[in-house]
PDB file of N, CA and C in Angstrom:
ATOM      1  N   UNK A   1      80.938 106.221 113.177  1.00  0.00           N
ATOM      2  CA  UNK A   1      81.223 106.608 111.726  1.00  0.00           C
ATOM      3  C   UNK A   1      79.815 106.787 111.161  1.00  0.00           C
ATOM      4  N   UNK A   2      79.754 107.779 110.298  1.00  0.00           N
ATOM      5  CA  UNK A   2      78.401 108.087 109.556  1.00  0.00           C
ATOM      6  C   UNK A   2      78.447 107.165 108.287  1.00  0.00           C
ATOM      7  N   UNK A   3      79.616 106.894 107.617  1.00  0.00           N
ATOM      8  CA  UNK A   3      79.510 106.108 106.449  1.00  0.00           C
ATOM      9  C   UNK A   3      80.728 105.094 106.500  1.00  0.00           C
ATOM     10  N   UNK A   4      80.619 103.881 106.249  1.00  0.00           N
ATOM     11  CA  UNK A   4      81.722 103.016 105.955  1.00  0.00           C
ATOM     12  C   UNK A   4      81.569 102.387 104.583  1.00  0.00           C
ATOM     13  N   UNK A   5      82.653 102.568 103.820  1.00  0.00           N
ATOM     14  CA  UNK A   5      82.857 101.980 102.394  1.00  0.00           C
ATOM     15  C   UNK A   5      83.663 100.751 102.631  1.00  0.00           C
ATOM     16  N   UNK A   6      83.133  99.496 102.670  1.00  0.00           N
ATOM     17  CA  UNK A   6      83.857  98.435 102.942  1.00  0.00           C
ATOM     18  C   UNK A   6      84.313  97.638 101.701  1.00  0.00           C
ATOM     19  N   UNK A   7      85.695  97.802 101.462  1.00  0.00           N
ATOM     20  CA  UNK A   7      86.252  97.237 100.308  1.00  0.00           C
ATOM     21  C   UNK A   7      86.995  95.985 100.719  1.00  0.00           C
ATOM     22  N   UNK A   8      86.976  95.510 102.014  1.00  0.00           N
ATOM     23  CA  UNK A   8      87.773  94.344 102.421  1.00  0.00           C
ATOM     24  C   UNK A   8      86.938  93.150 102.606  1.00  0.00           C
ATOM     25  N   UNK A   9      85.742  93.247 103.110  1.00  0.00           N
ATOM     26  CA  UNK A   9      84.916  92.186 103.493  1.00  0.00           C
ATOM     27  C   UNK A   9      85.448  91.365 104.689  1.00  0.00           C
ATOM     28  N   UNK A  10      84.812  90.198 104.724  1.00  0.00           N
ATOM     29  CA  UNK A  10      85.326  89.330 105.847  1.00  0.00           C
ATOM     30  C   UNK A  10      85.213  89.911 107.292  1.00  0.00           C
ATOM     31  N   UNK A  11      86.202  89.413 108.171  1.00  0.00           N
ATOM     32  CA  UNK A  11      86.298  89.856 109.540  1.00  0.00           C
ATOM     33  C   UNK A  11      86.498  91.409 109.576  1.00  0.00           C
ATOM     34  N   UNK A  12      87.289  91.991 108.683  1.00  0.00           N
ATOM     35  CA  UNK A  12      87.641  93.412 108.694  1.00  0.00           C
ATOM     36  C   UNK A  12      86.333  94.137 108.295  1.00  0.00           C
ATOM     37  N   UNK A  13      85.597  93.690 107.317  1.00  0.00           N
ATOM     38  CA  UNK A  13      84.271  94.417 106.985  1.00  0.00           C
ATOM     39  C   UNK A  13      83.216  94.433 108.209  1.00  0.00           C
ATOM     40  N   UNK A  14      83.209  93.128 108.768  1.00  0.00           N
ATOM     41  CA  UNK A  14      82.359  93.113 109.922  1.00  0.00           C
ATOM     42  C   UNK A  14      82.769  93.902 110.952  1.00  0.00           C
ATOM     43  N   UNK A  15      83.974  93.979 111.339  1.00  0.00           N
ATOM     44  CA  UNK A  15      84.418  94.998 112.378  1.00  0.00           C
ATOM     45  C   UNK A  15      84.123  96.401 112.025  1.00  0.00           C
ATOM     46  N   UNK A  16      84.247  96.614 110.768  1.00  0.00           N
ATOM     47  CA  UNK A  16      84.081  98.239 110.243  1.00  0.00           C
ATOM     48  C   UNK A  16      82.547  98.363 110.381  1.00  0.00           C
ATOM     49  N   UNK A  17      81.695  97.499 110.191  1.00  0.00           N
ATOM     50  CA  UNK A  17      80.320  97.639 110.134  1.00  0.00           C
ATOM     51  C   UNK A  17      79.807  97.912 111.693  1.00  0.00           C
ATOM     52  N   UNK A  18      80.507  97.338 112.570  1.00  0.00           N
ATOM     53  CA  UNK A  18      80.231  97.604 114.089  1.00  0.00           C
ATOM     54  C   UNK A  18      80.590  99.183 114.322  1.00  0.00           C
ATOM     55  N   UNK A  19      81.215  99.816 113.734  1.00  0.00           N
ATOM     56  CA  UNK A  19      81.640 101.241 113.902  1.00  0.00           C
ATOM     57  C   UNK A  19      80.563 102.198 113.285  1.00  0.00           C
ATOM     58  N   UNK A  20      79.609 101.683 112.463  1.00  0.00           N
ATOM     59  CA  UNK A  20      78.684 102.647 111.844  1.00  0.00           C
ATOM     60  C   UNK A  20      77.674 102.978 113.010  1.00  0.00           C
ATOM     61  N   UNK A  21      77.429 104.342 113.177  1.00  0.00           N
ATOM     62  CA  UNK A  21      76.664 104.830 114.109  1.00  0.00           C
ATOM     63  C   UNK A  21      75.068 104.556 113.701  1.00  0.00           C
ATOM     64  N   UNK A  22      74.160 104.667 114.776  1.00  0.00           N
ATOM     65  CA  UNK A  22      72.799 104.471 114.351  1.00  0.00           C
ATOM     66  C   UNK A  22      72.422 105.504 113.425  1.00  0.00           C
ATOM     67  N   UNK A  23      71.672 105.177 112.229  1.00  0.00           N
ATOM     68  CA  UNK A  23      71.361 105.999 111.233  1.00  0.00           C
ATOM     69  C   UNK A  23      72.327 106.362 110.233  1.00  0.00           C
ATOM     70  N   UNK A  24      73.496 105.588 110.322  1.00  0.00           N
ATOM     71  CA  UNK A  24      74.606 105.659 109.278  1.00  0.00           C
ATOM     72  C   UNK A  24      74.384 104.770 108.078  1.00  0.00           C
ATOM     73  N   UNK A  25      75.428 104.713 107.396  1.00  0.00           N
ATOM     74  CA  UNK A  25      75.368 103.871 106.027  1.00  0.00           C
ATOM     75  C   UNK A  25      76.643 103.111 106.081  1.00  0.00           C
ATOM     76  N   UNK A  26      76.432 101.737 105.485  1.00  0.00           N
ATOM     77  CA  UNK A  26      77.395 100.745 105.284  1.00  0.00           C
ATOM     78  C   UNK A  26      77.208 100.317 103.820  1.00  0.00           C
ATOM     79  N   UNK A  27      78.357 100.467 103.170  1.00  0.00           N
ATOM     80  CA  UNK A  27      78.395 100.004 101.696  1.00  0.00           C
ATOM     81  C   UNK A  27      79.425  98.929 101.548  1.00  0.00           C
ATOM     82  N   UNK A  28      78.974  97.625 101.225  1.00  0.00           N
ATOM     83  CA  UNK A  28      79.879  96.465 100.953  1.00  0.00           C
ATOM     84  C   UNK A  28      80.046  96.359  99.410  1.00  0.00           C
ATOM     85  N   UNK A  29      81.406  96.662  99.029  1.00  0.00           N
ATOM     86  CA  UNK A  29      81.617  96.698  97.632  1.00  0.00           C
ATOM     87  C   UNK A  29      82.851  95.869  97.274  1.00  0.00           C
ATOM     88  N   UNK A  30      83.429  95.145  98.181  1.00  0.00           N
ATOM     89  CA  UNK A  30      84.582  94.248  98.000  1.00  0.00           C
ATOM     90  C   UNK A  30      84.683  93.212  98.885  1.00  0.00           C
ATOM     91  N   UNK A  31      85.300  92.158  98.481  1.00  0.00           N
ATOM     92  CA  UNK A  31      85.569  90.900  99.336  1.00  0.00           C
ATOM     93  C   UNK A  31      86.850  90.262  99.083  1.00  0.00           C
ATOM     94  N   UNK A  32      87.927  90.901  98.956  1.00  0.00           N
ATOM     95  CA  UNK A  32      89.072  90.233  98.656  1.00  0.00           C
ATOM     96  C   UNK A  32      89.654  89.303  99.776  1.00  0.00           C
ATOM     97  N   UNK A  33      89.013  89.507 100.981  1.00  0.00           N
ATOM     98  CA  UNK A  33      89.215  88.409 101.983  1.00  0.00           C
ATOM     99  C   UNK A  33      88.702  87.088 101.819  1.00  0.00           C
ATOM    100  N   UNK A  34      87.766  87.031 100.873  1.00  0.00           N
ATOM    101  CA  UNK A  34      87.130  85.725 100.509  1.00  0.00           C
ATOM    102  C   UNK A  34      85.670  85.739 100.689  1.00  0.00           C
ATOM    103  N   UNK A  35      85.090  86.730 101.282  1.00  0.00           N
ATOM    104  CA  UNK A  35      83.619  86.837 101.373  1.00  0.00           C
ATOM    105  C   UNK A  35      83.364  88.371 101.958  1.00  0.00           C
ATOM    106  N   UNK A  36      82.020  88.556 101.809  1.00  0.00           N
ATOM    107  CA  UNK A  36      81.469  89.817 102.308  1.00  0.00           C
ATOM    108  C   UNK A  36      81.307  89.823 103.791  1.00  0.00           C
ATOM    109  N   UNK A  37      81.307  91.006 104.325  1.00  0.00           N
ATOM    110  CA  UNK A  37      81.061  91.139 105.757  1.00  0.00           C
ATOM    111  C   UNK A  37      79.709  90.567 106.202  1.00  0.00           C
ATOM    112  N   UNK A  38      79.733  90.007 107.337  1.00  0.00           N
ATOM    113  CA  UNK A  38      78.500  89.484 107.952  1.00  0.00           C
ATOM    114  C   UNK A  38      77.780  90.481 108.520  1.00  0.00           C
ATOM    115  N   UNK A  39      76.535  90.880 108.180  1.00  0.00           N
ATOM    116  CA  UNK A  39      75.720  91.966 108.566  1.00  0.00           C
ATOM    117  C   UNK A  39      74.341  91.376 108.792  1.00  0.00           C
ATOM    118  N   UNK A  40      73.950  91.398 110.086  1.00  0.00           N
ATOM    119  CA  UNK A  40      72.631  90.967 110.290  1.00  0.00           C
ATOM    120  C   UNK A  40      71.600  92.076 110.029  1.00  0.00           C
ATOM    121  N   UNK A  41      70.680  91.845 108.982  1.00  0.00           N
ATOM    122  CA  UNK A  41      69.891  92.643 108.390  1.00  0.00           C
ATOM    123  C   UNK A  41      68.794  93.357 109.404  1.00  0.00           C
ATOM    124  N   UNK A  42      68.461  92.253 110.349  1.00  0.00           N
ATOM    125  CA  UNK A  42      67.391  92.849 111.306  1.00  0.00           C
ATOM    126  C   UNK A  42      68.083  93.762 112.338  1.00  0.00           C
ATOM    127  N   UNK A  43      69.268  93.514 112.652  1.00  0.00           N
ATOM    128  CA  UNK A  43      69.969  94.459 113.550  1.00  0.00           C
ATOM    129  C   UNK A  43      70.332  95.748 113.017  1.00  0.00           C
ATOM    130  N   UNK A  44      70.574  95.761 111.703  1.00  0.00           N
ATOM    131  CA  UNK A  44      70.894  96.899 110.984  1.00  0.00           C
ATOM    132  C   UNK A  44      69.574  97.762 110.870  1.00  0.00           C
ATOM    133  N   UNK A  45      68.437  97.162 110.675  1.00  0.00           N
ATOM    134  CA  UNK A  45      67.187  97.761 110.675  1.00  0.00           C
ATOM    135  C   UNK A  45      66.893  98.374 112.001  1.00  0.00           C
ATOM    136  N   UNK A  46      67.032  97.660 113.100  1.00  0.00           N
ATOM    137  CA  UNK A  46      66.773  98.248 114.420  1.00  0.00           C
ATOM    138  C   UNK A  46      67.716  99.430 114.636  1.00  0.00           C
ATOM    139  N   UNK A  47      68.932  99.476 114.253  1.00  0.00           N
ATOM    140  CA  UNK A  47      69.769 100.570 114.407  1.00  0.00           C
ATOM    141  C   UNK A  47      69.671 101.704 113.267  1.00  0.00           C
ATOM    142  N   UNK A  48      68.757 101.369 112.312  1.00  0.00           N
ATOM    143  CA  UNK A  48      68.542 102.421 111.209  1.00  0.00           C
ATOM    144  C   UNK A  48      69.805 102.640 110.484  1.00  0.00           C
ATOM    145  N   UNK A  49      70.562 101.537 110.360  1.00  0.00           N
ATOM    146  CA  UNK A  49      71.711 101.591 109.412  1.00  0.00           C
ATOM    147  C   UNK A  49      71.404 101.089 107.972  1.00  0.00           C
ATOM    148  N   UNK A  50      71.658 102.064 107.041  1.00  0.00           N
ATOM    149  CA  UNK A  50      71.227 101.678 105.638  1.00  0.00           C
ATOM    150  C   UNK A  50      72.444 100.865 105.047  1.00  0.00           C
ATOM    151  N   UNK A  51      72.114  99.560 104.604  1.00  0.00           N
ATOM    152  CA  UNK A  51      73.197  98.718 104.176  1.00  0.00           C
ATOM    153  C   UNK A  51      72.944  98.553 102.606  1.00  0.00           C
ATOM    154  N   UNK A  52      74.094  98.816 101.935  1.00  0.00           N
ATOM    155  CA  UNK A  52      73.920  98.626 100.338  1.00  0.00           C
ATOM    156  C   UNK A  52      75.075  97.646 100.003  1.00  0.00           C
ATOM    157  N   UNK A  53      75.001  97.109  98.907  1.00  0.00           N
ATOM    158  CA  UNK A  53      76.084  96.275  98.362  1.00  0.00           C
ATOM    159  C   UNK A  53      76.251  96.591  96.908  1.00  0.00           C
ATOM    160  N   UNK A  54      77.183  95.887  96.307  1.00  0.00           N
ATOM    161  CA  UNK A  54      77.719  95.960  95.038  1.00  0.00           C
ATOM    162  C   UNK A  54      76.591  95.842  93.930  1.00  0.00           C
ATOM    163  N   UNK A  55      75.505  95.016  94.424  1.00  0.00           N
ATOM    164  CA  UNK A  55      74.400  94.941  93.512  1.00  0.00           C
ATOM    165  C   UNK A  55      73.676  96.087  93.210  1.00  0.00           C
ATOM    166  N   UNK A  56      73.820  97.171  94.048  1.00  0.00           N
ATOM    167  CA  UNK A  56      73.179  98.404  93.796  1.00  0.00           C
ATOM    168  C   UNK A  56      73.802  99.227  92.575  1.00  0.00           C
ATOM    169  N   UNK A  57      75.065  98.794  92.190  1.00  0.00           N
ATOM    170  CA  UNK A  57      75.640  99.585  91.230  1.00  0.00           C
ATOM    171  C   UNK A  57      75.875  98.756  89.903  1.00  0.00           C
ATOM    172  N   UNK A  58      75.067  97.783  89.757  1.00  0.00           N
ATOM    173  CA  UNK A  58      75.166  96.860  88.594  1.00  0.00           C
ATOM    174  C   UNK A  58      74.316  97.427  87.525  1.00  0.00           C
ATOM    175  N   UNK A  59      74.672  97.205  86.295  1.00  0.00           N
ATOM    176  CA  UNK A  59      74.131  97.785  85.067  1.00  0.00           C
ATOM    177  C   UNK A  59      73.145  96.775  84.530  1.00  0.00           C
ATOM    178  N   UNK A  60      72.188  97.306  83.856  1.00  0.00           N
ATOM    179  CA  UNK A  60      71.245  96.492  83.042  1.00  0.00           C
ATOM    180  C   UNK A  60      71.948  95.849  81.909  1.00  0.00           C
ATOM    181  N   UNK A  61      71.570  94.711  81.400  1.00  0.00           N
ATOM    182  CA  UNK A  61      72.197  94.076  80.166  1.00  0.00           C
ATOM    183  C   UNK A  61      72.387  95.135  79.053  1.00  0.00           C
ATOM    184  N   UNK A  62      71.455  95.871  78.688  1.00  0.00           N
ATOM    185  CA  UNK A  62      71.516  96.810  77.716  1.00  0.00           C
ATOM    186  C   UNK A  62      72.667  97.678  77.985  1.00  0.00           C
ATOM    187  N   UNK A  63      72.667  98.454  79.153  1.00  0.00           N
ATOM    188  CA  UNK A  63      73.666  99.415  79.482  1.00  0.00           C
ATOM    189  C   UNK A  63      75.103  98.718  79.561  1.00  0.00           C
ATOM    190  N   UNK A  64      75.114  97.488  80.124  1.00  0.00           N
ATOM    191  CA  UNK A  64      76.449  96.737  80.054  1.00  0.00           C
ATOM    192  C   UNK A  64      76.982  96.598  78.745  1.00  0.00           C
ATOM    193  N   UNK A  65      76.051  96.188  77.824  1.00  0.00           N
ATOM    194  CA  UNK A  65      76.466  95.892  76.483  1.00  0.00           C
ATOM    195  C   UNK A  65      76.951  97.232  75.776  1.00  0.00           C
ATOM    196  N   UNK A  66      76.306  98.314  76.121  1.00  0.00           N
ATOM    197  CA  UNK A  66      76.675  99.748  75.542  1.00  0.00           C
ATOM    198  C   UNK A  66      78.054 100.038  75.991  1.00  0.00           C
ATOM    199  N   UNK A  67      78.331  99.846  77.237  1.00  0.00           N
ATOM    200  CA  UNK A  67      79.474 100.238  78.033  1.00  0.00           C
ATOM    201  C   UNK A  67      80.673  99.348  77.458  1.00  0.00           C
ATOM    202  N   UNK A  68      80.386  98.001  77.206  1.00  0.00           N
ATOM    203  CA  UNK A  68      81.352  97.084  76.837  1.00  0.00           C
ATOM    204  C   UNK A  68      81.837  97.457  75.435  1.00  0.00           C
ATOM    205  N   UNK A  69      80.885  97.819  74.566  1.00  0.00           N
ATOM    206  CA  UNK A  69      81.247  98.090  73.148  1.00  0.00           C
ATOM    207  C   UNK A  69      82.054  99.300  73.130  1.00  0.00           C
ATOM    208  N   UNK A  70      81.718 100.461  74.016  1.00  0.00           N
ATOM    209  CA  UNK A  70      82.504 101.525  74.087  1.00  0.00           C
ATOM    210  C   UNK A  70      83.909 101.293  74.460  1.00  0.00           C
ATOM    211  N   UNK A  71      84.081 100.365  75.505  1.00  0.00           N
ATOM    212  CA  UNK A  71      85.370 100.138  76.131  1.00  0.00           C
ATOM    213  C   UNK A  71      86.272  99.387  75.042  1.00  0.00           C
ATOM    214  N   UNK A  72      85.588  98.487  74.388  1.00  0.00           N
ATOM    215  CA  UNK A  72      86.344  97.777  73.258  1.00  0.00           C
ATOM    216  C   UNK A  72      86.728  98.681  72.154  1.00  0.00           C
ATOM    217  N   UNK A  73      85.881  99.617  71.768  1.00  0.00           N
ATOM    218  CA  UNK A  73      86.203 100.564  70.743  1.00  0.00           C
ATOM    219  C   UNK A  73      87.381 101.440  71.183  1.00  0.00           C
ATOM    220  N   UNK A  74      87.382 101.840  72.491  1.00  0.00           N
ATOM    221  CA  UNK A  74      88.605 102.666  72.943  1.00  0.00           C
ATOM    222  C   UNK A  74      89.747 101.873  73.033  1.00  0.00           C
ATOM    223  N   UNK A  75      89.733 100.620  73.414  1.00  0.00           N
ATOM    224  CA  UNK A  75      90.925  99.703  73.439  1.00  0.00           C
ATOM    225  C   UNK A  75      91.530  99.559  72.052  1.00  0.00           C
ATOM    226  N   UNK A  76      90.583  99.285  71.110  1.00  0.00           N
ATOM    227  CA  UNK A  76      91.004  99.052  69.760  1.00  0.00           C
ATOM    228  C   UNK A  76      91.674 100.229  69.061  1.00  0.00           C
ATOM    229  N   UNK A  77      91.236 101.398  69.587  1.00  0.00           N
ATOM    230  CA  UNK A  77      91.804 102.704  69.093  1.00  0.00           C
ATOM    231  C   UNK A  77      93.119 102.997  69.849  1.00  0.00           C
ATOM    232  N   UNK A  78      93.492 102.235  70.785  1.00  0.00           N
ATOM    233  CA  UNK A  78      94.736 102.460  71.723  1.00  0.00           C
ATOM    234  C   UNK A  78      94.558 103.543  72.611  1.00  0.00           C
ATOM    235  N   UNK A  79      93.363 103.803  73.041  1.00  0.00           N
ATOM    236  CA  UNK A  79      93.245 104.989  74.115  1.00  0.00           C
ATOM    237  C   UNK A  79      93.198 104.395  75.493  1.00  0.00           C
ATOM    238  N   UNK A  80      92.770 103.074  75.574  1.00  0.00           N
ATOM    239  CA  UNK A  80      93.003 102.435  77.022  1.00  0.00           C
ATOM    240  C   UNK A  80      93.764 101.199  76.717  1.00  0.00           C
ATOM    241  N   UNK A  81      94.449 100.843  77.784  1.00  0.00           N
ATOM    242  CA  UNK A  81      95.110  99.636  77.864  1.00  0.00           C
ATOM    243  C   UNK A  81      95.053  99.047  79.190  1.00  0.00           C
ATOM    244  N   UNK A  82      95.102  97.735  79.412  1.00  0.00           N
ATOM    245  CA  UNK A  82      95.082  97.074  80.733  1.00  0.00           C
ATOM    246  C   UNK A  82      96.432  97.378  81.352  1.00  0.00           C
ATOM    247  N   UNK A  83      96.543  97.366  82.597  1.00  0.00           N
ATOM    248  CA  UNK A  83      97.802  97.503  83.449  1.00  0.00           C
ATOM    249  C   UNK A  83      98.236  96.193  83.792  1.00  0.00           C
ATOM    250  N   UNK A  84      99.449  95.723  83.187  1.00  0.00           N
ATOM    251  CA  UNK A  84      99.932  94.356  83.405  1.00  0.00           C
ATOM    252  C   UNK A  84     100.902  94.626  84.551  1.00  0.00           C
ATOM    253  N   UNK A  85     100.572  94.036  85.695  1.00  0.00           N
ATOM    254  CA  UNK A  85     101.389  94.151  86.836  1.00  0.00           C
ATOM    255  C   UNK A  85     102.501  93.246  86.900  1.00  0.00           C
ATOM    256  N   UNK A  86     102.218  92.002  86.457  1.00  0.00           N
ATOM    257  CA  UNK A  86     103.331  91.005  86.562  1.00  0.00           C
ATOM    258  C   UNK A  86     103.083  89.897  85.600  1.00  0.00           C
ATOM    259  N   UNK A  87     104.002  89.349  84.993  1.00  0.00           N
ATOM    260  CA  UNK A  87     103.834  87.957  84.303  1.00  0.00           C
ATOM    261  C   UNK A  87     104.730  86.884  84.732  1.00  0.00           C
ATOM    262  N   UNK A  88     104.249  85.795  84.498  1.00  0.00           N
ATOM    263  CA  UNK A  88     104.780  84.396  85.055  1.00  0.00           C
ATOM    264  C   UNK A  88     104.832  83.374  83.902  1.00  0.00           C
ATOM    265  N   UNK A  89     105.914  82.683  83.652  1.00  0.00           N
ATOM    266  CA  UNK A  89     105.924  81.517  82.803  1.00  0.00           C
ATOM    267  C   UNK A  89     104.828  80.470  83.285  1.00  0.00           C
ATOM    268  N   UNK A  90     104.130  79.895  82.344  1.00  0.00           N
ATOM    269  CA  UNK A  90     103.212  78.892  82.645  1.00  0.00           C
ATOM    270  C   UNK A  90     103.674  77.855  83.682  1.00  0.00           C
ATOM    271  N   UNK A  91     104.856  77.530  83.724  1.00  0.00           N
ATOM    272  CA  UNK A  91     105.479  76.524  84.769  1.00  0.00           C
ATOM    273  C   UNK A  91     105.351  77.199  86.127  1.00  0.00           C
ATOM    274  N   UNK A  92     105.249  78.376  86.295  1.00  0.00           N
ATOM    275  CA  UNK A  92     104.998  79.073  87.540  1.00  0.00           C
ATOM    276  C   UNK A  92     103.679  79.518  87.881  1.00  0.00           C
ATOM    277  N   UNK A  93     102.785  78.757  87.355  1.00  0.00           N
ATOM    278  CA  UNK A  93     101.258  79.064  87.587  1.00  0.00           C
ATOM    279  C   UNK A  93     100.954  79.194  89.075  1.00  0.00           C
ATOM    280  N   UNK A  94     101.436  78.262  89.813  1.00  0.00           N
ATOM    281  CA  UNK A  94     101.265  78.200  91.250  1.00  0.00           C
ATOM    282  C   UNK A  94     101.638  79.523  92.008  1.00  0.00           C
ATOM    283  N   UNK A  95     102.875  79.975  91.539  1.00  0.00           N
ATOM    284  CA  UNK A  95     103.441  81.247  92.086  1.00  0.00           C
ATOM    285  C   UNK A  95     102.422  82.419  91.584  1.00  0.00           C
ATOM    286  N   UNK A  96     102.055  82.384  90.365  1.00  0.00           N
ATOM    287  CA  UNK A  96     101.121  83.495  89.932  1.00  0.00           C
ATOM    288  C   UNK A  96      99.936  83.485  90.655  1.00  0.00           C
ATOM    289  N   UNK A  97      99.191  82.342  90.885  1.00  0.00           N
ATOM    290  CA  UNK A  97      98.025  82.287  91.680  1.00  0.00           C
ATOM    291  C   UNK A  97      98.142  82.840  93.103  1.00  0.00           C
ATOM    292  N   UNK A  98      99.268  82.521  93.664  1.00  0.00           N
ATOM    293  CA  UNK A  98      99.575  82.905  95.045  1.00  0.00           C
ATOM    294  C   UNK A  98      99.754  84.439  95.110  1.00  0.00           C
ATOM    295  N   UNK A  99     100.323  85.035  93.954  1.00  0.00           N
ATOM    296  CA  UNK A  99     100.541  86.576  93.847  1.00  0.00           C
ATOM    297  C   UNK A  99      99.069  87.146  93.790  1.00  0.00           C
ATOM    298  N   UNK A 100      98.189  86.596  93.083  1.00  0.00           N
ATOM    299  CA  UNK A 100      96.742  87.033  92.972  1.00  0.00           C
ATOM    300  C   UNK A 100      96.145  87.008  94.249  1.00  0.00           C
ATOM    301  N   UNK A 101      96.281  85.734  94.951  1.00  0.00           N
ATOM    302  CA  UNK A 101      95.637  85.584  96.156  1.00  0.00           C
ATOM    303  C   UNK A 101      96.056  86.461  97.310  1.00  0.00           C
ATOM    304  N   UNK A 102      97.469  86.683  97.237  1.00  0.00           N
ATOM    305  CA  UNK A 102      97.821  87.734  98.368  1.00  0.00           C
ATOM    306  C   UNK A 102      97.743  89.100  97.995  1.00  0.00           C
ATOM    307  N   UNK A 103      97.128  89.480  96.750  1.00  0.00           N
ATOM    308  CA  UNK A 103      97.068  90.730  96.401  1.00  0.00           C
ATOM    309  C   UNK A 103      98.365  91.682  96.295  1.00  0.00           C
ATOM    310  N   UNK A 104      99.463  90.880  95.929  1.00  0.00           N
ATOM    311  CA  UNK A 104     100.656  91.551  95.951  1.00  0.00           C
ATOM    312  C   UNK A 104     100.974  92.219  94.529  1.00  0.00           C
ATOM    313  N   UNK A 105     100.122  92.081  93.584  1.00  0.00           N
ATOM    314  CA  UNK A 105     100.329  92.686  92.323  1.00  0.00           C
ATOM    315  C   UNK A 105      99.259  93.669  92.036  1.00  0.00           C
ATOM    316  N   UNK A 106      99.731  94.832  91.517  1.00  0.00           N
ATOM    317  CA  UNK A 106      98.732  95.876  91.019  1.00  0.00           C
ATOM    318  C   UNK A 106      98.504  95.641  89.649  1.00  0.00           C
ATOM    319  N   UNK A 107      97.344  95.626  89.066  1.00  0.00           N
ATOM    320  CA  UNK A 107      97.078  95.365  87.673  1.00  0.00           C
ATOM    321  C   UNK A 107      97.016  93.912  87.397  1.00  0.00           C
ATOM    322  N   UNK A 108      96.921  93.483  86.255  1.00  0.00           N
ATOM    323  CA  UNK A 108      96.626  92.053  85.762  1.00  0.00           C
ATOM    324  C   UNK A 108      97.838  91.215  85.962  1.00  0.00           C
ATOM    325  N   UNK A 109      97.563  89.951  86.232  1.00  0.00           N
ATOM    326  CA  UNK A 109      98.732  89.024  86.446  1.00  0.00           C
ATOM    327  C   UNK A 109      98.440  88.057  85.268  1.00  0.00           C
ATOM    328  N   UNK A 110      99.551  87.887  84.441  1.00  0.00           N
ATOM    329  CA  UNK A 110      99.450  87.049  83.262  1.00  0.00           C
ATOM    330  C   UNK A 110     100.268  85.818  83.279  1.00  0.00           C
ATOM    331  N   UNK A 111      99.814  84.747  82.773  1.00  0.00           N
ATOM    332  CA  UNK A 111     100.658  83.582  82.501  1.00  0.00           C
ATOM    333  C   UNK A 111     101.090  83.582  80.993  1.00  0.00           C
ATOM    334  N   UNK A 112     102.378  83.446  80.862  1.00  0.00           N
ATOM    335  CA  UNK A 112     102.942  83.468  79.521  1.00  0.00           C
ATOM    336  C   UNK A 112     103.017  82.025  78.956  1.00  0.00           C
ATOM    337  N   UNK A 113     102.268  81.745  78.007  1.00  0.00           N
ATOM    338  CA  UNK A 113     102.179  80.364  77.464  1.00  0.00           C
ATOM    339  C   UNK A 113     103.040  80.296  76.216  1.00  0.00           C
ATOM    340  N   UNK A 114     103.597  81.349  75.732  1.00  0.00           N
ATOM    341  CA  UNK A 114     104.420  81.341  74.447  1.00  0.00           C
ATOM    342  C   UNK A 114     105.880  81.452  74.756  1.00  0.00           C
ATOM    343  N   UNK A 115     106.657  82.155  73.964  1.00  0.00           N
ATOM    344  CA  UNK A 115     108.104  82.124  74.253  1.00  0.00           C
ATOM    345  C   UNK A 115     108.346  82.998  75.441  1.00  0.00           C
ATOM    346  N   UNK A 116     109.645  82.736  76.066  1.00  0.00           N
ATOM    347  CA  UNK A 116     109.810  83.432  77.235  1.00  0.00           C
ATOM    348  C   UNK A 116     110.238  84.864  77.115  1.00  0.00           C
ATOM    349  N   UNK A 117     110.216  85.299  75.931  1.00  0.00           N
ATOM    350  CA  UNK A 117     110.460  86.754  75.638  1.00  0.00           C
ATOM    351  C   UNK A 117     109.159  87.623  76.139  1.00  0.00           C
ATOM    352  N   UNK A 118     108.073  86.930  76.227  1.00  0.00           N
ATOM    353  CA  UNK A 118     106.937  87.717  76.567  1.00  0.00           C
ATOM    354  C   UNK A 118     106.098  88.143  75.491  1.00  0.00           C
ATOM    355  N   UNK A 119     106.091  87.434  74.452  1.00  0.00           N
ATOM    356  CA  UNK A 119     105.355  87.873  73.274  1.00  0.00           C
ATOM    357  C   UNK A 119     103.815  88.003  73.578  1.00  0.00           C
ATOM    358  N   UNK A 120     103.223  89.111  73.259  1.00  0.00           N
ATOM    359  CA  UNK A 120     101.782  89.212  73.606  1.00  0.00           C
ATOM    360  C   UNK A 120     100.908  88.105  73.116  1.00  0.00           C
ATOM    361  N   UNK A 121     101.315  87.388  72.047  1.00  0.00           N
ATOM    362  CA  UNK A 121     100.422  86.338  71.466  1.00  0.00           C
ATOM    363  C   UNK A 121     100.603  85.122  72.521  1.00  0.00           C
ATOM    364  N   UNK A 122     101.452  85.049  73.453  1.00  0.00           N
ATOM    365  CA  UNK A 122     101.595  84.040  74.294  1.00  0.00           C
ATOM    366  C   UNK A 122     101.032  84.122  75.795  1.00  0.00           C
ATOM    367  N   UNK A 123     100.172  85.206  75.969  1.00  0.00           N
ATOM    368  CA  UNK A 123      99.611  85.564  77.291  1.00  0.00           C
ATOM    369  C   UNK A 123      98.179  85.060  77.529  1.00  0.00           C
ATOM    370  N   UNK A 124      98.141  84.577  78.624  1.00  0.00           N
ATOM    371  CA  UNK A 124      96.828  84.052  79.153  1.00  0.00           C
ATOM    372  C   UNK A 124      96.557  84.740  80.608  1.00  0.00           C
ATOM    373  N   UNK A 125      95.478  85.479  80.706  1.00  0.00           N
ATOM    374  CA  UNK A 125      95.189  86.210  81.981  1.00  0.00           C
ATOM    375  C   UNK A 125      94.599  85.213  82.935  1.00  0.00           C
ATOM    376  N   UNK A 126      95.077  85.381  84.198  1.00  0.00           N
ATOM    377  CA  UNK A 126      94.467  84.666  85.359  1.00  0.00           C
ATOM    378  C   UNK A 126      93.740  85.562  86.278  1.00  0.00           C
ATOM    379  N   UNK A 127      93.865  86.829  86.016  1.00  0.00           N
ATOM    380  CA  UNK A 127      93.253  87.782  87.097  1.00  0.00           C
ATOM    381  C   UNK A 127      92.580  88.919  86.336  1.00  0.00           C
TER     382      UNK A 127
END
């Protein structure tokens, strides 16, 4: 492989790294398995594999502040909204955490702390 974009991490990411040809590129940008792929930097250098990680796409504090302000303004104007994948009553917090850990929910997983009708004022995000 010329390029591997590792969004899994762990053993899967490590196995994917082994597929990168000499002179290729490996980008670690996710770790839902619980940790990033184990990559020996010296071995990567010997093979000429360019290894990059999520830290390479981080924003400066000023840029992060500017982007946060813009996102909040867009949300306040109703132009962007979070995707609510699933809600759980507070009493089912363990089930909610299991859903997050198993990655079985697309979007945000919310605990409802208010009325069982799902009033937005009774939501607490756990993901």
